[in-house]
Each structure stands twice: as C-alpha cells, then as structure tokens.
Amino acid sequence: GTFYFHYTDTYDLREKIENELSDSFREVLS
C-alpha cells in the first residue's frame, strides 16, 4: 500500500528515479 501510494508500478518507480536523477544532474550542471 505504501508503494502504491507513491508509484503505480515498477515502471513508474524506475521512470521517477530516472527523472529525479536527471533533474538533479541538470541542477548540478546548470
């Protein structure tokens, strides 16, 4: 239930991890 509160499935989790990392990477280099 905790998982589904934040993510719809494993693909959503991976996509959000990638987006967070990419956004942080952009912020570091900006």
Full PDB file with SEQRES, HELIX, SHEET, SSBOND, CRYST1, ORIGX, SCALE, CONECT and MASTER records, all heavy atoms in Angstrom:
SEQRES   1 A   30  GLY THR PHE TYR PHE HIS TYR THR ASP THR TYR ASP LEU          
SEQRES   2 A   30  ARG GLU LYS ILE GLU ASN GLU LEU SER ASP SER PHE ARG          
SEQRES   3 A   30  GLU VAL LEU SER                                              
HELIX    1 AA1 THR A    2  HIS A    6  1                                   5    
HELIX    2 AA2 THR A   10  LEU A   29  1                                  20    
CRYST1    1.000    1.000    1.000  90.00  90.00  90.00 P 1           1          
ORIGX1      1.000000  0.000000  0.000000        0.00000                         
ORIGX2      0.000000  1.000000  0.000000        0.00000                         
ORIGX3      0.000000  0.000000  1.000000        0.00000                         
SCALE1      1.000000  0.000000  0.000000        0.00000                         
SCALE2      0.000000  1.000000  0.000000        0.00000                         
SCALE3      0.000000  0.000000  1.000000        0.00000                         
ATOM      1  N   GLY A   1       0.826  -1.210   0.000  1.00  0.00           N  
ATOM      2  CA  GLY A   1       0.000   0.000   0.000  1.00  0.00           C  
ATOM      3  C   GLY A   1       0.857   1.255   0.000  1.00  0.00           C  
ATOM      4  O   GLY A   1       0.535   2.248  -0.664  1.00  0.00           O  
ATOM      5  N   THR A   2       1.962   1.210   0.733  1.00  0.00           N  
ATOM      6  CA  THR A   2       2.893   2.351   0.769  1.00  0.00           C  
ATOM      7  C   THR A   2       3.491   2.567  -0.613  1.00  0.00           C  
ATOM      8  O   THR A   2       3.603   3.694  -1.079  1.00  0.00           O  
ATOM      9  CB  THR A   2       4.009   2.101   1.809  1.00  0.00           C  
ATOM     10  OG1 THR A   2       3.408   1.918   3.088  1.00  0.00           O  
ATOM     11  CG2 THR A   2       4.991   3.253   1.855  1.00  0.00           C  
ATOM     12  N   PHE A   3       3.872   1.478  -1.275  1.00  0.00           N  
ATOM     13  CA  PHE A   3       4.415   1.589  -2.627  1.00  0.00           C  
ATOM     14  C   PHE A   3       3.398   2.256  -3.548  1.00  0.00           C  
ATOM     15  O   PHE A   3       3.705   3.213  -4.253  1.00  0.00           O  
ATOM     16  CB  PHE A   3       4.777   0.200  -3.169  1.00  0.00           C  
ATOM     17  CG  PHE A   3       5.310   0.235  -4.576  1.00  0.00           C  
ATOM     18  CD1 PHE A   3       6.666   0.306  -4.803  1.00  0.00           C  
ATOM     19  CD2 PHE A   3       4.454   0.223  -5.675  1.00  0.00           C  
ATOM     20  CE1 PHE A   3       7.175   0.353  -6.103  1.00  0.00           C  
ATOM     21  CE2 PHE A   3       4.937   0.275  -6.969  1.00  0.00           C  
ATOM     22  CZ  PHE A   3       6.310   0.342  -7.185  1.00  0.00           C  
ATOM     23  N   TYR A   4       2.172   1.739  -3.530  1.00  0.00           N  
ATOM     24  CA  TYR A   4       1.147   2.246  -4.443  1.00  0.00           C  
ATOM     25  C   TYR A   4       0.684   3.665  -4.098  1.00  0.00           C  
ATOM     26  O   TYR A   4       0.108   4.337  -4.944  1.00  0.00           O  
ATOM     27  CB  TYR A   4      -0.040   1.288  -4.509  1.00  0.00           C  
ATOM     28  CG  TYR A   4       0.295   0.018  -5.250  1.00  0.00           C  
ATOM     29  CD1 TYR A   4       0.279  -1.213  -4.614  1.00  0.00           C  
ATOM     30  CD2 TYR A   4       0.651   0.059  -6.598  1.00  0.00           C  
ATOM     31  CE1 TYR A   4       0.595  -2.375  -5.298  1.00  0.00           C  
ATOM     32  CE2 TYR A   4       0.977  -1.096  -7.291  1.00  0.00           C  
ATOM     33  CZ  TYR A   4       0.941  -2.306  -6.635  1.00  0.00           C  
ATOM     34  OH  TYR A   4       1.262  -3.453  -7.325  1.00  0.00           O  
ATOM     35  N   PHE A   5       0.971   4.109  -2.911  1.00  0.00           N  
ATOM     36  CA  PHE A   5       0.678   5.495  -2.552  1.00  0.00           C  
ATOM     37  C   PHE A   5       1.570   6.444  -3.360  1.00  0.00           C  
ATOM     38  O   PHE A   5       1.173   7.539  -3.722  1.00  0.00           O  
ATOM     39  CB  PHE A   5       0.885   5.724  -1.051  1.00  0.00           C  
ATOM     40  CG  PHE A   5       0.579   7.121  -0.610  1.00  0.00           C  
ATOM     41  CD1 PHE A   5      -0.735   7.545  -0.472  1.00  0.00           C  
ATOM     42  CD2 PHE A   5       1.612   8.023  -0.350  1.00  0.00           C  
ATOM     43  CE1 PHE A   5      -1.018   8.848  -0.077  1.00  0.00           C  
ATOM     44  CE2 PHE A   5       1.329   9.324   0.040  1.00  0.00           C  
ATOM     45  CZ  PHE A   5       0.009   9.733   0.187  1.00  0.00           C  
ATOM     46  N   HIS A   6       2.790   6.003  -3.665  1.00  0.00           N  
ATOM     47  CA  HIS A   6       3.769   6.840  -4.362  1.00  0.00           C  
ATOM     48  C   HIS A   6       3.922   6.507  -5.845  1.00  0.00           C  
ATOM     49  O   HIS A   6       4.250   7.384  -6.642  1.00  0.00           O  
ATOM     50  CB  HIS A   6       5.139   6.722  -3.688  1.00  0.00           C  
ATOM     51  CG  HIS A   6       5.134   7.170  -2.267  1.00  0.00           C  
ATOM     52  ND1 HIS A   6       5.054   8.493  -1.911  1.00  0.00           N  
ATOM     53  CD2 HIS A   6       5.179   6.466  -1.115  1.00  0.00           C  
ATOM     54  CE1 HIS A   6       5.064   8.593  -0.597  1.00  0.00           C  
ATOM     55  NE2 HIS A   6       5.137   7.379  -0.085  1.00  0.00           N  
ATOM     56  N   TYR A   7       3.730   5.244  -6.227  1.00  0.00           N  
ATOM     57  CA  TYR A   7       4.014   4.795  -7.590  1.00  0.00           C  
ATOM     58  C   TYR A   7       2.896   3.879  -8.089  1.00  0.00           C  
ATOM     59  O   TYR A   7       2.279   3.161  -7.309  1.00  0.00           O  
ATOM     60  CB  TYR A   7       5.346   4.034  -7.640  1.00  0.00           C  
ATOM     61  CG  TYR A   7       6.481   4.805  -7.016  1.00  0.00           C  
ATOM     62  CD1 TYR A   7       6.943   4.493  -5.747  1.00  0.00           C  
ATOM     63  CD2 TYR A   7       7.071   5.871  -7.686  1.00  0.00           C  
ATOM     64  CE1 TYR A   7       7.975   5.213  -5.164  1.00  0.00           C  
ATOM     65  CE2 TYR A   7       8.102   6.605  -7.110  1.00  0.00           C  
ATOM     66  CZ  TYR A   7       8.547   6.273  -5.846  1.00  0.00           C  
ATOM     67  OH  TYR A   7       9.551   6.996  -5.265  1.00  0.00           O  
ATOM     68  N   THR A   8       2.695   3.853  -9.396  1.00  0.00           N  
ATOM     69  CA  THR A   8       1.653   2.994  -9.950  1.00  0.00           C  
ATOM     70  C   THR A   8       2.152   1.565 -10.185  1.00  0.00           C  
ATOM     71  O   THR A   8       1.387   0.622 -10.079  1.00  0.00           O  
ATOM     72  CB  THR A   8       1.102   3.555 -11.280  1.00  0.00           C  
ATOM     73  OG1 THR A   8       2.184   3.724 -12.203  1.00  0.00           O  
ATOM     74  CG2 THR A   8       0.400   4.879 -11.072  1.00  0.00           C  
ATOM     75  N   ASP A   9       3.450   1.435 -10.530  1.00  0.00           N  
ATOM     76  CA  ASP A   9       4.031   0.117 -10.779  1.00  0.00           C  
ATOM     77  C   ASP A   9       5.552   0.254 -10.793  1.00  0.00           C  
ATOM     78  O   ASP A   9       6.093   1.328 -10.555  1.00  0.00           O  
ATOM     79  CB  ASP A   9       3.512  -0.500 -12.080  1.00  0.00           C  
ATOM     80  CG  ASP A   9       3.746   0.376 -13.311  1.00  0.00           C  
ATOM     81  OD1 ASP A   9       4.629   1.265 -13.280  1.00  0.00           O  
ATOM     82  OD2 ASP A   9       3.049   0.164 -14.319  1.00  0.00           O  
ATOM     83  N   THR A  10       6.247  -0.841 -11.108  1.00  0.00           N  
ATOM     84  CA  THR A  10       7.714  -0.814 -11.110  1.00  0.00           C  
ATOM     85  C   THR A  10       8.257   0.119 -12.189  1.00  0.00           C  
ATOM     86  O   THR A  10       9.286   0.768 -11.987  1.00  0.00           O  
ATOM     87  CB  THR A  10       8.287  -2.228 -11.310  1.00  0.00           C  
ATOM     88  OG1 THR A  10       7.781  -2.775 -12.531  1.00  0.00           O  
ATOM     89  CG2 THR A  10       7.939  -3.135 -10.148  1.00  0.00           C  
ATOM     90  N   TYR A  11       7.552   0.206 -13.313  1.00  0.00           N  
ATOM     91  CA  TYR A  11       7.998   1.088 -14.395  1.00  0.00           C  
ATOM     92  C   TYR A  11       7.880   2.550 -13.983  1.00  0.00           C  
ATOM     93  O   TYR A  11       8.744   3.370 -14.306  1.00  0.00           O  
ATOM     94  CB  TYR A  11       7.201   0.815 -15.680  1.00  0.00           C  
ATOM     95  CG  TYR A  11       7.527  -0.530 -16.283  1.00  0.00           C  
ATOM     96  CD1 TYR A  11       6.817  -1.665 -15.913  1.00  0.00           C  
ATOM     97  CD2 TYR A  11       8.566  -0.663 -17.193  1.00  0.00           C  
ATOM     98  CE1 TYR A  11       7.130  -2.908 -16.445  1.00  0.00           C  
ATOM     99  CE2 TYR A  11       8.890  -1.895 -17.740  1.00  0.00           C  
ATOM    100  CZ  TYR A  11       8.164  -3.013 -17.352  1.00  0.00           C  
ATOM    101  OH  TYR A  11       8.491  -4.239 -17.884  1.00  0.00           O  
ATOM    102  N   ASP A  12       6.835   2.880 -13.265  1.00  0.00           N  
ATOM    103  CA  ASP A  12       6.654   4.239 -12.757  1.00  0.00           C  
ATOM    104  C   ASP A  12       7.766   4.580 -11.760  1.00  0.00           C  
ATOM    105  O   ASP A  12       8.324   5.678 -11.795  1.00  0.00           O  
ATOM    106  CB  ASP A  12       5.277   4.375 -12.102  1.00  0.00           C  
ATOM    107  CG  ASP A  12       4.972   5.781 -11.623  1.00  0.00           C  
ATOM    108  OD1 ASP A  12       5.271   6.748 -12.373  1.00  0.00           O  
ATOM    109  OD2 ASP A  12       4.422   5.921 -10.512  1.00  0.00           O  
ATOM    110  N   LEU A  13       8.093   3.645 -10.896  1.00  0.00           N  
ATOM    111  CA  LEU A  13       9.183   3.849  -9.930  1.00  0.00           C  
ATOM    112  C   LEU A  13      10.486   4.119 -10.667  1.00  0.00           C  
ATOM    113  O   LEU A  13      11.185   5.093 -10.379  1.00  0.00           O  
ATOM    114  CB  LEU A  13       9.325   2.619  -9.021  1.00  0.00           C  
ATOM    115  CG  LEU A  13      10.550   2.590  -8.096  1.00  0.00           C  
ATOM    116  CD1 LEU A  13      10.585   3.788  -7.152  1.00  0.00           C  
ATOM    117  CD2 LEU A  13      10.571   1.276  -7.312  1.00  0.00           C  
ATOM    118  N   ARG A  14      10.822   3.275 -11.641  1.00  0.00           N  
ATOM    119  CA  ARG A  14      12.066   3.469 -12.390  1.00  0.00           C  
ATOM    120  C   ARG A  14      12.069   4.804 -13.126  1.00  0.00           C  
ATOM    121  O   ARG A  14      13.055   5.538 -13.101  1.00  0.00           O  
ATOM    122  CB  ARG A  14      12.287   2.329 -13.381  1.00  0.00           C  
ATOM    123  CG  ARG A  14      13.682   2.428 -14.045  1.00  0.00           C  
ATOM    124  CD  ARG A  14      13.863   1.475 -15.188  1.00  0.00           C  
ATOM    125  NE  ARG A  14      13.040   1.936 -16.296  1.00  0.00           N  
ATOM    126  CZ  ARG A  14      12.446   1.147 -17.167  1.00  0.00           C  
ATOM    127  NH1 ARG A  14      12.560  -0.145 -17.086  1.00  0.00           N  
ATOM    128  NH2 ARG A  14      11.717   1.639 -18.147  1.00  0.00           N  
ATOM    129  N   GLU A  15      10.963   5.144 -13.772  1.00  0.00           N  
ATOM    130  CA  GLU A  15      10.862   6.404 -14.514  1.00  0.00           C  
ATOM    131  C   GLU A  15      11.043   7.604 -13.580  1.00  0.00           C  
ATOM    132  O   GLU A  15      11.760   8.550 -13.910  1.00  0.00           O  
ATOM    133  CB  GLU A  15       9.506   6.493 -15.228  1.00  0.00           C  
ATOM    134  CG  GLU A  15       9.312   7.748 -16.034  1.00  0.00           C  
ATOM    135  CD  GLU A  15      10.135   7.789 -17.312  1.00  0.00           C  
ATOM    136  OE1 GLU A  15      10.560   6.735 -17.805  1.00  0.00           O  
ATOM    137  OE2 GLU A  15      10.361   8.904 -17.811  1.00  0.00           O  
ATOM    138  N   LYS A  16      10.434   7.555 -12.428  1.00  0.00           N  
ATOM    139  CA  LYS A  16      10.561   8.674 -11.474  1.00  0.00           C  
ATOM    140  C   LYS A  16      11.983   8.763 -10.916  1.00  0.00           C  
ATOM    141  O   LYS A  16      12.493   9.856 -10.709  1.00  0.00           O  
ATOM    142  CB  LYS A  16       9.513   8.565 -10.379  1.00  0.00           C  
ATOM    143  CG  LYS A  16       8.134   8.930 -10.914  1.00  0.00           C  
ATOM    144  CD  LYS A  16       7.071   8.903  -9.861  1.00  0.00           C  
ATOM    145  CE  LYS A  16       5.755   9.369 -10.499  1.00  0.00           C  
ATOM    146  NZ  LYS A  16       4.602   9.097  -9.660  1.00  0.00           N  
ATOM    147  N   ILE A  17      12.610   7.641 -10.692  1.00  0.00           N  
ATOM    148  CA  ILE A  17      14.009   7.650 -10.249  1.00  0.00           C  
ATOM    149  C   ILE A  17      14.879   8.303 -11.321  1.00  0.00           C  
ATOM    150  O   ILE A  17      15.706   9.169 -11.032  1.00  0.00           O  
ATOM    151  CB  ILE A  17      14.508   6.218  -9.942  1.00  0.00           C  
ATOM    152  CG1 ILE A  17      13.825   5.662  -8.705  1.00  0.00           C  
ATOM    153  CG2 ILE A  17      16.029   6.213  -9.768  1.00  0.00           C  
ATOM    154  CD1 ILE A  17      14.071   4.167  -8.488  1.00  0.00           C  
ATOM    155  N   GLU A  18      14.691   7.876 -12.576  1.00  0.00           N  
ATOM    156  CA  GLU A  18      15.468   8.447 -13.683  1.00  0.00           C  
ATOM    157  C   GLU A  18      15.227   9.950 -13.807  1.00  0.00           C  
ATOM    158  O   GLU A  18      16.167  10.720 -14.006  1.00  0.00           O  
ATOM    159  CB  GLU A  18      15.113   7.756 -14.997  1.00  0.00           C  
ATOM    160  CG  GLU A  18      15.618   6.338 -15.097  1.00  0.00           C  
ATOM    161  CD  GLU A  18      15.170   5.639 -16.377  1.00  0.00           C  
ATOM    162  OE1 GLU A  18      14.387   6.216 -17.162  1.00  0.00           O  
ATOM    163  OE2 GLU A  18      15.616   4.497 -16.591  1.00  0.00           O  
ATOM    164  N   ASN A  19      13.979  10.377 -13.688  1.00  0.00           N  
ATOM    165  CA  ASN A  19      13.661  11.807 -13.796  1.00  0.00           C  
ATOM    166  C   ASN A  19      14.275  12.603 -12.658  1.00  0.00           C  
ATOM    167  O   ASN A  19      14.795  13.701 -12.873  1.00  0.00           O  
ATOM    168  CB  ASN A  19      12.142  12.024 -13.851  1.00  0.00           C  
ATOM    169  CG  ASN A  19      11.544  11.563 -15.154  1.00  0.00           C  
ATOM    170  OD1 ASN A  19      12.229  11.389 -16.161  1.00  0.00           O  
ATOM    171  ND2 ASN A  19      10.239  11.329 -15.148  1.00  0.00           N  
ATOM    172  N   GLU A  20      14.212  12.060 -11.441  1.00  0.00           N  
ATOM    173  CA  GLU A  20      14.819  12.747 -10.296  1.00  0.00           C  
ATOM    174  C   GLU A  20      16.333  12.871 -10.471  1.00  0.00           C  
ATOM    175  O   GLU A  20      16.911  13.928 -10.217  1.00  0.00           O  
ATOM    176  CB  GLU A  20      14.496  12.012  -8.995  1.00  0.00           C  
ATOM    177  CG  GLU A  20      13.059  12.142  -8.554  1.00  0.00           C  
ATOM    178  CD  GLU A  20      12.695  11.223  -7.398  1.00  0.00           C  
ATOM    179  OE1 GLU A  20      13.604  10.639  -6.759  1.00  0.00           O  
ATOM    180  OE2 GLU A  20      11.484  11.078  -7.135  1.00  0.00           O  
ATOM    181  N   LEU A  21      16.966  11.792 -10.903  1.00  0.00           N  
ATOM    182  CA  LEU A  21      18.412  11.834 -11.134  1.00  0.00           C  
ATOM    183  C   LEU A  21      18.757  12.830 -12.243  1.00  0.00           C  
ATOM    184  O   LEU A  21      19.701  13.614 -12.115  1.00  0.00           O  
ATOM    185  CB  LEU A  21      18.957  10.444 -11.492  1.00  0.00           C  
ATOM    186  CG  LEU A  21      19.113   9.459 -10.346  1.00  0.00           C  
ATOM    187  CD1 LEU A  21      19.358   8.052 -10.868  1.00  0.00           C  
ATOM    188  CD2 LEU A  21      20.224   9.899  -9.407  1.00  0.00           C  
ATOM    189  N   SER A  22      17.992  12.806 -13.316  1.00  0.00           N  
ATOM    190  CA  SER A  22      18.230  13.715 -14.438  1.00  0.00           C  
ATOM    191  C   SER A  22      18.033  15.165 -14.023  1.00  0.00           C  
ATOM    192  O   SER A  22      18.838  16.042 -14.367  1.00  0.00           O  
ATOM    193  CB  SER A  22      17.287  13.357 -15.590  1.00  0.00           C  
ATOM    194  OG  SER A  22      17.469  14.232 -16.664  1.00  0.00           O  
ATOM    195  N   ASP A  23      16.978  15.441 -13.271  1.00  0.00           N  
ATOM    196  CA  ASP A  23      16.729  16.809 -12.790  1.00  0.00           C  
ATOM    197  C   ASP A  23      17.851  17.279 -11.861  1.00  0.00           C  
ATOM    198  O   ASP A  23      18.303  18.417 -11.951  1.00  0.00           O  
ATOM    199  CB  ASP A  23      15.381  16.903 -12.068  1.00  0.00           C  
ATOM    200  CG  ASP A  23      14.190  16.749 -13.007  1.00  0.00           C  
ATOM    201  OD1 ASP A  23      14.370  16.868 -14.246  1.00  0.00           O  
ATOM    202  OD2 ASP A  23      13.078  16.508 -12.494  1.00  0.00           O  
ATOM    203  N   SER A  24      18.287  16.403 -10.991  1.00  0.00           N  
ATOM    204  CA  SER A  24      19.390  16.749 -10.080  1.00  0.00           C  
ATOM    205  C   SER A  24      20.683  16.975 -10.857  1.00  0.00           C  
ATOM    206  O   SER A  24      21.459  17.894 -10.549  1.00  0.00           O  
ATOM    207  CB  SER A  24      19.597  15.642  -9.043  1.00  0.00           C  
ATOM    208  OG  SER A  24      18.475  15.526  -8.218  1.00  0.00           O  
ATOM    209  N   PHE A  25      20.923  16.141 -11.854  1.00  0.00           N  
ATOM    210  CA  PHE A  25      22.110  16.281 -12.707  1.00  0.00           C  
ATOM    211  C   PHE A  25      22.081  17.635 -13.418  1.00  0.00           C  
ATOM    212  O   PHE A  25      23.080  18.351 -13.458  1.00  0.00           O  
ATOM    213  CB  PHE A  25      22.128  15.126 -13.711  1.00  0.00           C  
ATOM    214  CG  PHE A  25      23.397  14.971 -14.497  1.00  0.00           C  
ATOM    215  CD1 PHE A  25      24.617  14.784 -13.882  1.00  0.00           C  
ATOM    216  CD2 PHE A  25      23.364  14.981 -15.894  1.00  0.00           C  
ATOM    217  CE1 PHE A  25      25.789  14.611 -14.615  1.00  0.00           C  
ATOM    218  CE2 PHE A  25      24.528  14.811 -16.629  1.00  0.00           C  
ATOM    219  CZ  PHE A  25      25.733  14.630 -15.994  1.00  0.00           C  
ATOM    220  N   ARG A  26      20.917  18.001 -13.948  1.00  0.00           N  
ATOM    221  CA  ARG A  26      20.748  19.292 -14.629  1.00  0.00           C  
ATOM    222  C   ARG A  26      21.020  20.444 -13.652  1.00  0.00           C  
ATOM    223  O   ARG A  26      21.704  21.409 -13.972  1.00  0.00           O  
ATOM    224  CB  ARG A  26      19.345  19.425 -15.220  1.00  0.00           C  
ATOM    225  CG  ARG A  26      19.088  20.773 -15.886  1.00  0.00           C  
ATOM    226  CD  ARG A  26      17.724  20.862 -16.543  1.00  0.00           C  
ATOM    227  NE  ARG A  26      17.747  20.133 -17.812  1.00  0.00           N  
ATOM    228  CZ  ARG A  26      17.190  18.963 -18.036  1.00  0.00           C  
ATOM    229  NH1 ARG A  26      16.523  18.355 -17.088  1.00  0.00           N  
ATOM    230  NH2 ARG A  26      17.281  18.374 -19.209  1.00  0.00           N  
ATOM    231  N   GLU A  27      20.495  20.315 -12.452  1.00  0.00           N  
ATOM    232  CA  GLU A  27      20.686  21.356 -11.440  1.00  0.00           C  
ATOM    233  C   GLU A  27      22.166  21.530 -11.094  1.00  0.00           C  
ATOM    234  O   GLU A  27      22.667  22.645 -10.976  1.00  0.00           O  
ATOM    235  CB  GLU A  27      19.883  21.002 -10.188  1.00  0.00           C  
ATOM    236  CG  GLU A  27      19.853  22.094  -9.151  1.00  0.00           C  
ATOM    237  CD  GLU A  27      18.977  21.711  -7.971  1.00  0.00           C  
ATOM    238  OE1 GLU A  27      17.823  21.283  -8.190  1.00  0.00           O  
ATOM    239  OE2 GLU A  27      19.463  21.842  -6.831  1.00  0.00           O  
ATOM    240  N   VAL A  28      22.868  20.420 -10.956  1.00  0.00           N  
ATOM    241  CA  VAL A  28      24.299  20.463 -10.628  1.00  0.00           C  
ATOM    242  C   VAL A  28      25.093  21.163 -11.737  1.00  0.00           C  
ATOM    243  O   VAL A  28      26.008  21.926 -11.467  1.00  0.00           O  
ATOM    244  CB  VAL A  28      24.838  19.029 -10.392  1.00  0.00           C  
ATOM    245  CG1 VAL A  28      26.350  18.975 -10.426  1.00  0.00           C  
ATOM    246  CG2 VAL A  28      24.320  18.483  -9.073  1.00  0.00           C  
ATOM    247  N   LEU A  29      24.722  20.910 -12.996  1.00  0.00           N  
ATOM    248  CA  LEU A  29      25.469  21.461 -14.125  1.00  0.00           C  
ATOM    249  C   LEU A  29      24.969  22.839 -14.580  1.00  0.00           C  
ATOM    250  O   LEU A  29      25.658  23.502 -15.359  1.00  0.00           O  
ATOM    251  CB  LEU A  29      25.420  20.498 -15.309  1.00  0.00           C  
ATOM    252  CG  LEU A  29      26.033  19.127 -15.083  1.00  0.00           C  
ATOM    253  CD1 LEU A  29      25.953  18.308 -16.359  1.00  0.00           C  
ATOM    254  CD2 LEU A  29      27.454  19.218 -14.594  1.00  0.00           C  
ATOM    255  N   SER A  30      23.822  23.267 -14.110  1.00  0.00           N  
ATOM    256  CA  SER A  30      23.191  24.485 -14.633  1.00  0.00           C  
ATOM    257  C   SER A  30      23.971  25.765 -14.358  1.00  0.00           C  
ATOM    258  O   SER A  30      23.783  26.754 -15.056  1.00  0.00           O  
ATOM    259  CB  SER A  30      21.769  24.623 -14.105  1.00  0.00           C  
ATOM    260  OG  SER A  30      21.793  24.846 -12.712  1.00  0.00           O  
TER     261      SER A  30                                                      
MASTER        0    0    0    2    0    0    0    6  260    1    0    3          
END                                                                             
